[in-house]
Amino acid sequence: MLTLGNTSSSITFTTKSGDLIVRRAEHNLVEMDFPQYAITGVRFPDVSNPYQDTFPEFDGPSHLSEMIQNFIPKNINVEAVAYACAAKKLIVVVDNETTKYVCLYDPDGDLVRGLIVTLAPAHAKSQGFVDSEAIPYDYVCRYFAPWVGIPEDPATGSAQCALAPFWGAILNKRNLYAYQSYPHRGAQFRVSLHDSGRVAIYGQSVTVLEGQIHLNDAIFY
């Protein structure tokens, strides 16, 4: 909007999944309006779930447990598992003192299309989870979907639609500051949960390409 000199307060993009409304926000940011995904806890026989009183639960199938065990290194403790059914995204919460992790598994996508590894850092500064102004992040994540052609995504808005209601409920916050820890790049997200069941994602808009289209006189068939 800024590059084109558009004075409108919002622009609506029509997509296959519905209208995406982008609004002007303060501090030269833009606000994107997305749905919040309902969260369900995943229960495994030999794993305690610290959030069992926060979200409803279902019994996780054995192959899901095996997939997680192959994804997460054995030296990193998995604290909880949750699922955003509408988006088919699995949320794996790891030890809140974790600083690094790798994922090696490539499962099929019948049940899960995206796997999110996440934590709310216990000591954000010493773990390296602060921004350039030393402001700590409320939660950090990585997003993997190799079974649909995305080995790892650097910035995933749809993942925040699941993580914001998840961490919002656990941390008792409506406004969260998040970091997607993609190696050598990463992405920052400011997200707000609305009572309407929507989540607002804020960020800077960056012009990466400009072009012109020259049209001849209209031709009607």
C-alpha atoms as a PDB file:
ATOM      1  CA  MET A   1       0.000   0.000   0.000  1.00  0.00           C
ATOM      2  CA  LEU A   2       2.814   2.382   0.865  1.00  0.00           C
ATOM      3  CA  THR A   3       4.741   1.763  -2.357  1.00  0.00           C
ATOM      4  CA  LEU A   4       1.683   2.292  -4.552  1.00  0.00           C
ATOM      5  CA  GLY A   5       0.518   5.343  -2.662  1.00  0.00           C
ATOM      6  CA  ASN A   6      -2.757   3.627  -1.824  1.00  0.00           C
ATOM      7  CA  THR A   7      -4.562   5.573   0.905  1.00  0.00           C
ATOM      8  CA  SER A   8      -7.073   2.840   1.746  1.00  0.00           C
ATOM      9  CA  SER A   9      -7.021   1.513   5.288  1.00  0.00           C
ATOM     10  CA  SER A  10      -7.165  -2.081   4.043  1.00  0.00           C
ATOM     11  CA  ILE A  11      -6.772  -4.278   0.982  1.00  0.00           C
ATOM     12  CA  THR A  12      -8.623  -7.547   0.434  1.00  0.00           C
ATOM     13  CA  PHE A  13      -6.911 -10.391  -1.409  1.00  0.00           C
ATOM     14  CA  THR A  14      -9.181 -13.124  -2.755  1.00  0.00           C
ATOM     15  CA  THR A  15      -7.564 -16.548  -2.333  1.00  0.00           C
ATOM     16  CA  LYS A  16      -8.660 -20.158  -2.765  1.00  0.00           C
ATOM     17  CA  SER A  17      -9.120 -20.456   0.999  1.00  0.00           C
ATOM     18  CA  GLY A  18     -11.097 -17.221   1.330  1.00  0.00           C
ATOM     19  CA  ASP A  19     -10.527 -13.482   1.597  1.00  0.00           C
ATOM     20  CA  LEU A  20      -7.312 -12.253   3.224  1.00  0.00           C
ATOM     21  CA  ILE A  21      -7.691  -8.744   4.631  1.00  0.00           C
ATOM     22  CA  VAL A  22      -4.523  -6.709   5.145  1.00  0.00           C
ATOM     23  CA  ARG A  23      -4.875  -3.519   7.183  1.00  0.00           C
ATOM     24  CA  ARG A  24      -2.605  -0.646   8.055  1.00  0.00           C
ATOM     25  CA  ALA A  25      -1.316  -0.758  11.618  1.00  0.00           C
ATOM     26  CA  GLU A  26       0.777   1.528  13.802  1.00  0.00           C
ATOM     27  CA  HIS A  27       4.526   2.010  13.348  1.00  0.00           C
ATOM     28  CA  ASN A  28       4.372   1.317   9.590  1.00  0.00           C
ATOM     29  CA  LEU A  29       3.280  -2.260  10.185  1.00  0.00           C
ATOM     30  CA  VAL A  30       0.554  -4.181   8.420  1.00  0.00           C
ATOM     31  CA  GLU A  31      -2.001  -6.430  10.091  1.00  0.00           C
ATOM     32  CA  MET A  32      -3.171  -9.676   8.516  1.00  0.00           C
ATOM     33  CA  ASP A  33      -6.390 -11.294   9.705  1.00  0.00           C
ATOM     34  CA  PHE A  34      -6.442 -15.096  10.051  1.00  0.00           C
ATOM     35  CA  PRO A  35      -8.574 -17.732  11.796  1.00  0.00           C
ATOM     36  CA  GLN A  36      -7.552 -19.222  15.120  1.00  0.00           C
ATOM     37  CA  TYR A  37      -7.266 -23.012  15.093  1.00  0.00           C
ATOM     38  CA  ALA A  38      -8.825 -25.014  17.912  1.00  0.00           C
ATOM     39  CA  ILE A  39      -6.268 -27.034  19.870  1.00  0.00           C
ATOM     40  CA  THR A  40      -6.600 -30.582  21.201  1.00  0.00           C
ATOM     41  CA  GLY A  41      -4.055 -32.320  23.403  1.00  0.00           C
ATOM     42  CA  VAL A  42      -2.653 -35.678  22.278  1.00  0.00           C
ATOM     43  CA  ARG A  43      -2.508 -38.323  25.000  1.00  0.00           C
ATOM     44  CA  PHE A  44       0.076 -41.124  24.975  1.00  0.00           C
ATOM     45  CA  PRO A  45       0.102 -43.957  27.571  1.00  0.00           C
ATOM     46  CA  ASP A  46       3.633 -43.349  28.856  1.00  0.00           C
ATOM     47  CA  VAL A  47       3.787 -39.538  28.566  1.00  0.00           C
ATOM     48  CA  SER A  48       2.355 -37.079  31.082  1.00  0.00           C
ATOM     49  CA  ASN A  49       0.681 -33.977  29.683  1.00  0.00           C
ATOM     50  CA  PRO A  50       1.148 -30.807  31.779  1.00  0.00           C
ATOM     51  CA  TYR A  51      -1.620 -29.086  29.796  1.00  0.00           C
ATOM     52  CA  GLN A  52      -4.323 -31.729  30.203  1.00  0.00           C
ATOM     53  CA  ASP A  53      -6.507 -29.260  32.117  1.00  0.00           C
ATOM     54  CA  THR A  54      -6.098 -26.587  29.419  1.00  0.00           C
ATOM     55  CA  PHE A  55      -7.194 -28.447  26.279  1.00  0.00           C
ATOM     56  CA  PRO A  56      -9.436 -31.449  25.546  1.00  0.00           C
ATOM     57  CA  GLU A  57      -7.484 -34.613  24.721  1.00  0.00           C
ATOM     58  CA  PHE A  58      -7.603 -37.622  22.434  1.00  0.00           C
ATOM     59  CA  ASP A  59      -5.569 -40.828  22.424  1.00  0.00           C
ATOM     60  CA  GLY A  60      -2.668 -40.546  20.010  1.00  0.00           C
ATOM     61  CA  PRO A  61      -2.119 -43.437  17.563  1.00  0.00           C
ATOM     62  CA  SER A  62       1.095 -45.418  17.987  1.00  0.00           C
ATOM     63  CA  HIS A  63       2.516 -44.364  14.622  1.00  0.00           C
ATOM     64  CA  LEU A  64       2.247 -40.723  15.717  1.00  0.00           C
ATOM     65  CA  SER A  65       4.380 -41.456  18.756  1.00  0.00           C
ATOM     66  CA  GLU A  66       6.928 -43.218  16.536  1.00  0.00           C
ATOM     67  CA  MET A  67       7.013 -40.254  14.162  1.00  0.00           C
ATOM     68  CA  ILE A  68       7.768 -37.859  17.009  1.00  0.00           C
ATOM     69  CA  GLN A  69      10.484 -40.139  18.365  1.00  0.00           C
ATOM     70  CA  ASN A  70      12.154 -40.140  14.953  1.00  0.00           C
ATOM     71  CA  PHE A  71      11.824 -36.379  14.529  1.00  0.00           C
ATOM     72  CA  ILE A  72      13.129 -35.235  17.891  1.00  0.00           C
ATOM     73  CA  PRO A  73      16.665 -36.175  19.025  1.00  0.00           C
ATOM     74  CA  LYS A  74      16.673 -38.527  22.009  1.00  0.00           C
ATOM     75  CA  ASN A  75      18.575 -36.038  24.170  1.00  0.00           C
ATOM     76  CA  ILE A  76      15.702 -33.531  23.962  1.00  0.00           C
ATOM     77  CA  ASN A  77      12.710 -34.113  26.193  1.00  0.00           C
ATOM     78  CA  VAL A  78       9.228 -33.836  24.673  1.00  0.00           C
ATOM     79  CA  GLU A  79       6.990 -32.145  27.245  1.00  0.00           C
ATOM     80  CA  ALA A  80       3.639 -32.272  25.453  1.00  0.00           C
ATOM     81  CA  VAL A  81       1.964 -32.879  22.106  1.00  0.00           C
ATOM     82  CA  ALA A  82      -1.072 -31.054  20.710  1.00  0.00           C
ATOM     83  CA  TYR A  83      -2.964 -31.056  17.430  1.00  0.00           C
ATOM     84  CA  ALA A  84      -4.746 -28.398  15.353  1.00  0.00           C
ATOM     85  CA  CYS A  85      -7.255 -30.579  13.516  1.00  0.00           C
ATOM     86  CA  ALA A  86      -8.562 -27.976  11.047  1.00  0.00           C
ATOM     87  CA  ALA A  87      -5.048 -27.331   9.758  1.00  0.00           C
ATOM     88  CA  LYS A  88      -3.663 -30.853  10.318  1.00  0.00           C
ATOM     89  CA  LYS A  89      -0.731 -29.385  12.222  1.00  0.00           C
ATOM     90  CA  LEU A  90       0.985 -31.255  15.018  1.00  0.00           C
ATOM     91  CA  ILE A  91       2.498 -29.196  17.847  1.00  0.00           C
ATOM     92  CA  VAL A  92       5.419 -30.794  19.680  1.00  0.00           C
ATOM     93  CA  VAL A  93       6.485 -28.926  22.819  1.00  0.00           C
ATOM     94  CA  VAL A  94      10.091 -29.588  23.783  1.00  0.00           C
ATOM     95  CA  ASP A  95      12.093 -28.834  26.928  1.00  0.00           C
ATOM     96  CA  ASN A  96      11.859 -25.118  27.673  1.00  0.00           C
ATOM     97  CA  GLU A  97      15.633 -24.885  28.099  1.00  0.00           C
ATOM     98  CA  THR A  98      16.328 -26.222  24.609  1.00  0.00           C
ATOM     99  CA  THR A  99      18.495 -24.047  22.358  1.00  0.00           C
ATOM    100  CA  LYS A 100      19.035 -26.250  19.297  1.00  0.00           C
ATOM    101  CA  TYR A 101      17.314 -29.232  17.717  1.00  0.00           C
ATOM    102  CA  VAL A 102      17.305 -31.051  14.414  1.00  0.00           C
ATOM    103  CA  CYS A 103      14.596 -33.038  12.669  1.00  0.00           C
ATOM    104  CA  LEU A 104      15.408 -35.993  10.467  1.00  0.00           C
ATOM    105  CA  TYR A 105      12.189 -37.828   9.714  1.00  0.00           C
ATOM    106  CA  ASP A 106      10.076 -37.792   6.545  1.00  0.00           C
ATOM    107  CA  PRO A 107       6.642 -39.324   7.272  1.00  0.00           C
ATOM    108  CA  ASP A 108       3.552 -39.538   5.118  1.00  0.00           C
ATOM    109  CA  GLY A 109       0.960 -36.790   5.368  1.00  0.00           C
ATOM    110  CA  ASP A 110      -2.329 -38.639   5.882  1.00  0.00           C
ATOM    111  CA  LEU A 111      -2.814 -37.319   9.415  1.00  0.00           C
ATOM    112  CA  VAL A 112      -0.215 -34.562   9.640  1.00  0.00           C
ATOM    113  CA  ARG A 113       0.656 -31.994   6.982  1.00  0.00           C
ATOM    114  CA  GLY A 114       2.878 -29.840   9.157  1.00  0.00           C
ATOM    115  CA  LEU A 115       4.917 -30.514  12.280  1.00  0.00           C
ATOM    116  CA  ILE A 116       5.684 -27.599  14.585  1.00  0.00           C
ATOM    117  CA  VAL A 117       8.463 -27.893  17.150  1.00  0.00           C
ATOM    118  CA  THR A 118       8.045 -25.208  19.785  1.00  0.00           C
ATOM    119  CA  LEU A 119       8.915 -24.030  23.273  1.00  0.00           C
ATOM    120  CA  ALA A 120       8.424 -21.067  25.573  1.00  0.00           C
ATOM    121  CA  PRO A 121      12.017 -20.321  26.634  1.00  0.00           C
ATOM    122  CA  ALA A 122      12.699 -20.524  30.365  1.00  0.00           C
ATOM    123  CA  HIS A 123      15.720 -18.210  30.136  1.00  0.00           C
ATOM    124  CA  ALA A 124      15.304 -16.439  26.814  1.00  0.00           C
ATOM    125  CA  LYS A 125      18.496 -14.366  26.966  1.00  0.00           C
ATOM    126  CA  SER A 126      20.893 -17.193  27.815  1.00  0.00           C
ATOM    127  CA  GLN A 127      19.146 -19.464  25.303  1.00  0.00           C
ATOM    128  CA  GLY A 128      19.589 -16.899  22.524  1.00  0.00           C
ATOM    129  CA  PHE A 129      15.881 -16.184  22.072  1.00  0.00           C
ATOM    130  CA  VAL A 130      15.856 -12.374  22.180  1.00  0.00           C
ATOM    131  CA  ASP A 131      15.688  -9.833  19.364  1.00  0.00           C
ATOM    132  CA  SER A 132      18.304  -7.198  18.456  1.00  0.00           C
ATOM    133  CA  GLU A 133      17.001  -4.970  21.272  1.00  0.00           C
ATOM    134  CA  ALA A 134      17.242  -7.817  23.817  1.00  0.00           C
ATOM    135  CA  ILE A 135      13.449  -8.173  23.975  1.00  0.00           C
ATOM    136  CA  PRO A 136      12.609 -11.815  24.783  1.00  0.00           C
ATOM    137  CA  TYR A 137      10.262 -13.903  22.686  1.00  0.00           C
ATOM    138  CA  ASP A 138       7.208 -15.465  24.305  1.00  0.00           C
ATOM    139  CA  TYR A 139       7.631 -18.595  22.222  1.00  0.00           C
ATOM    140  CA  VAL A 140       9.833 -19.909  19.439  1.00  0.00           C
ATOM    141  CA  CYS A 141       9.173 -22.535  16.802  1.00  0.00           C
ATOM    142  CA  ARG A 142      10.310 -24.337  13.700  1.00  0.00           C
ATOM    143  CA  TYR A 143       7.995 -25.727  11.027  1.00  0.00           C
ATOM    144  CA  PHE A 144       8.566 -28.872   8.961  1.00  0.00           C
ATOM    145  CA  ALA A 145       6.448 -30.411   6.195  1.00  0.00           C
ATOM    146  CA  PRO A 146       8.779 -32.491   3.978  1.00  0.00           C
ATOM    147  CA  TRP A 147       5.961 -34.868   3.019  1.00  0.00           C
ATOM    148  CA  VAL A 148       4.235 -32.026   1.113  1.00  0.00           C
ATOM    149  CA  GLY A 149       7.417 -30.655  -0.441  1.00  0.00           C
ATOM    150  CA  ILE A 150       8.529 -28.256   2.314  1.00  0.00           C
ATOM    151  CA  PRO A 151      11.592 -29.592   4.169  1.00  0.00           C
ATOM    152  CA  GLU A 152      11.448 -26.547   6.454  1.00  0.00           C
ATOM    153  CA  ASP A 153       9.587 -23.274   6.052  1.00  0.00           C
ATOM    154  CA  PRO A 154      11.299 -20.057   7.216  1.00  0.00           C
ATOM    155  CA  ALA A 155       8.151 -18.065   8.043  1.00  0.00           C
ATOM    156  CA  THR A 156       4.779 -19.770   8.467  1.00  0.00           C
ATOM    157  CA  GLY A 157       1.724 -17.647   9.198  1.00  0.00           C
ATOM    158  CA  SER A 158      -0.590 -20.659   9.406  1.00  0.00           C
ATOM    159  CA  ALA A 159       1.602 -22.160  12.135  1.00  0.00           C
ATOM    160  CA  GLN A 160       1.055 -19.046  14.237  1.00  0.00           C
ATOM    161  CA  CYS A 161      -2.715 -19.555  13.849  1.00  0.00           C
ATOM    162  CA  ALA A 162      -2.243 -22.741  15.883  1.00  0.00           C
ATOM    163  CA  LEU A 163       0.569 -21.585  18.162  1.00  0.00           C
ATOM    164  CA  ALA A 164      -0.998 -18.284  19.217  1.00  0.00           C
ATOM    165  CA  PRO A 165      -4.116 -19.889  20.783  1.00  0.00           C
ATOM    166  CA  PHE A 166      -1.939 -22.689  22.190  1.00  0.00           C
ATOM    167  CA  TRP A 167       0.631 -20.488  23.939  1.00  0.00           C
ATOM    168  CA  GLY A 168      -1.931 -17.777  24.631  1.00  0.00           C
ATOM    169  CA  ALA A 169      -3.901 -20.217  26.789  1.00  0.00           C
ATOM    170  CA  ILE A 170      -0.804 -21.552  28.550  1.00  0.00           C
ATOM    171  CA  LEU A 171       0.909 -18.197  29.156  1.00  0.00           C
ATOM    172  CA  ASN A 172      -2.386 -16.363  29.763  1.00  0.00           C
ATOM    173  CA  LYS A 173      -1.551 -13.721  27.149  1.00  0.00           C
ATOM    174  CA  ARG A 174      -3.563 -12.161  24.334  1.00  0.00           C
ATOM    175  CA  ASN A 175      -0.572 -10.488  22.674  1.00  0.00           C
ATOM    176  CA  LEU A 176       2.503 -12.563  21.949  1.00  0.00           C
ATOM    177  CA  TYR A 177       5.933 -12.042  20.447  1.00  0.00           C
ATOM    178  CA  ALA A 178       7.195 -15.062  18.521  1.00  0.00           C
ATOM    179  CA  TYR A 179      10.284 -16.166  16.642  1.00  0.00           C
ATOM    180  CA  GLN A 180      10.444 -18.842  13.960  1.00  0.00           C
ATOM    181  CA  SER A 181      13.975 -20.140  14.326  1.00  0.00           C
ATOM    182  CA  TYR A 182      14.808 -21.050  10.744  1.00  0.00           C
ATOM    183  CA  PRO A 183      18.613 -21.507  10.498  1.00  0.00           C
ATOM    184  CA  HIS A 184      20.572 -18.433   9.351  1.00  0.00           C
ATOM    185  CA  ARG A 185      17.427 -16.369   8.839  1.00  0.00           C
ATOM    186  CA  GLY A 186      14.392 -16.689  11.072  1.00  0.00           C
ATOM    187  CA  ALA A 187      11.209 -14.630  11.267  1.00  0.00           C
ATOM    188  CA  GLN A 188       9.588 -12.492  13.936  1.00  0.00           C
ATOM    189  CA  PHE A 189       5.837 -12.420  14.545  1.00  0.00           C
ATOM    190  CA  ARG A 190       3.687 -10.206  16.714  1.00  0.00           C
ATOM    191  CA  VAL A 191       0.302 -11.839  17.137  1.00  0.00           C
ATOM    192  CA  SER A 192      -2.908 -10.843  18.896  1.00  0.00           C
ATOM    193  CA  LEU A 193      -5.828 -13.094  19.793  1.00  0.00           C
ATOM    194  CA  HIS A 194      -9.293 -11.628  19.256  1.00  0.00           C
ATOM    195  CA  ASP A 195     -12.551 -12.670  20.919  1.00  0.00           C
ATOM    196  CA  SER A 196     -14.026 -13.099  17.434  1.00  0.00           C
ATOM    197  CA  GLY A 197     -11.992 -16.273  16.986  1.00  0.00           C
ATOM    198  CA  ARG A 198      -9.496 -14.547  14.720  1.00  0.00           C
ATOM    199  CA  VAL A 199      -5.782 -13.936  15.145  1.00  0.00           C
ATOM    200  CA  ALA A 200      -4.017 -10.807  13.913  1.00  0.00           C
ATOM    201  CA  ILE A 201      -0.452 -11.196  12.679  1.00  0.00           C
ATOM    202  CA  TYR A 202       1.611  -8.015  12.450  1.00  0.00           C
ATOM    203  CA  GLY A 203       4.755  -7.390  10.450  1.00  0.00           C
ATOM    204  CA  GLN A 204       6.568  -5.133   8.054  1.00  0.00           C
ATOM    205  CA  SER A 205       5.765  -5.186   4.365  1.00  0.00           C
ATOM    206  CA  VAL A 206       8.793  -5.271   2.093  1.00  0.00           C
ATOM    207  CA  THR A 207       8.785  -4.518  -1.624  1.00  0.00           C
ATOM    208  CA  VAL A 208      10.789  -7.223  -3.382  1.00  0.00           C
ATOM    209  CA  LEU A 209       9.647  -6.724  -6.978  1.00  0.00           C
ATOM    210  CA  GLU A 210       8.120  -3.946  -9.040  1.00  0.00           C
ATOM    211  CA  GLY A 211       6.822  -4.106 -12.603  1.00  0.00           C
ATOM    212  CA  GLN A 212       4.571  -2.479 -15.153  1.00  0.00           C
ATOM    213  CA  ILE A 213       1.995  -3.972 -17.487  1.00  0.00           C
ATOM    214  CA  HIS A 214       1.250  -2.141 -20.745  1.00  0.00           C
ATOM    215  CA  LEU A 215      -2.150  -2.955 -22.227  1.00  0.00           C
ATOM    216  CA  ASN A 216      -3.171  -2.411 -25.836  1.00  0.00           C
ATOM    217  CA  ASP A 217      -6.666  -1.295 -26.756  1.00  0.00           C
ATOM    218  CA  ALA A 218      -9.290  -3.574 -25.301  1.00  0.00           C
ATOM    219  CA  ILE A 219     -10.094  -6.610 -27.424  1.00  0.00           C
ATOM    220  CA  PHE A 220     -13.483  -8.245 -26.994  1.00  0.00           C
ATOM    221  CA  TYR A 221     -14.212 -11.780 -28.173  1.00  0.00           C
END
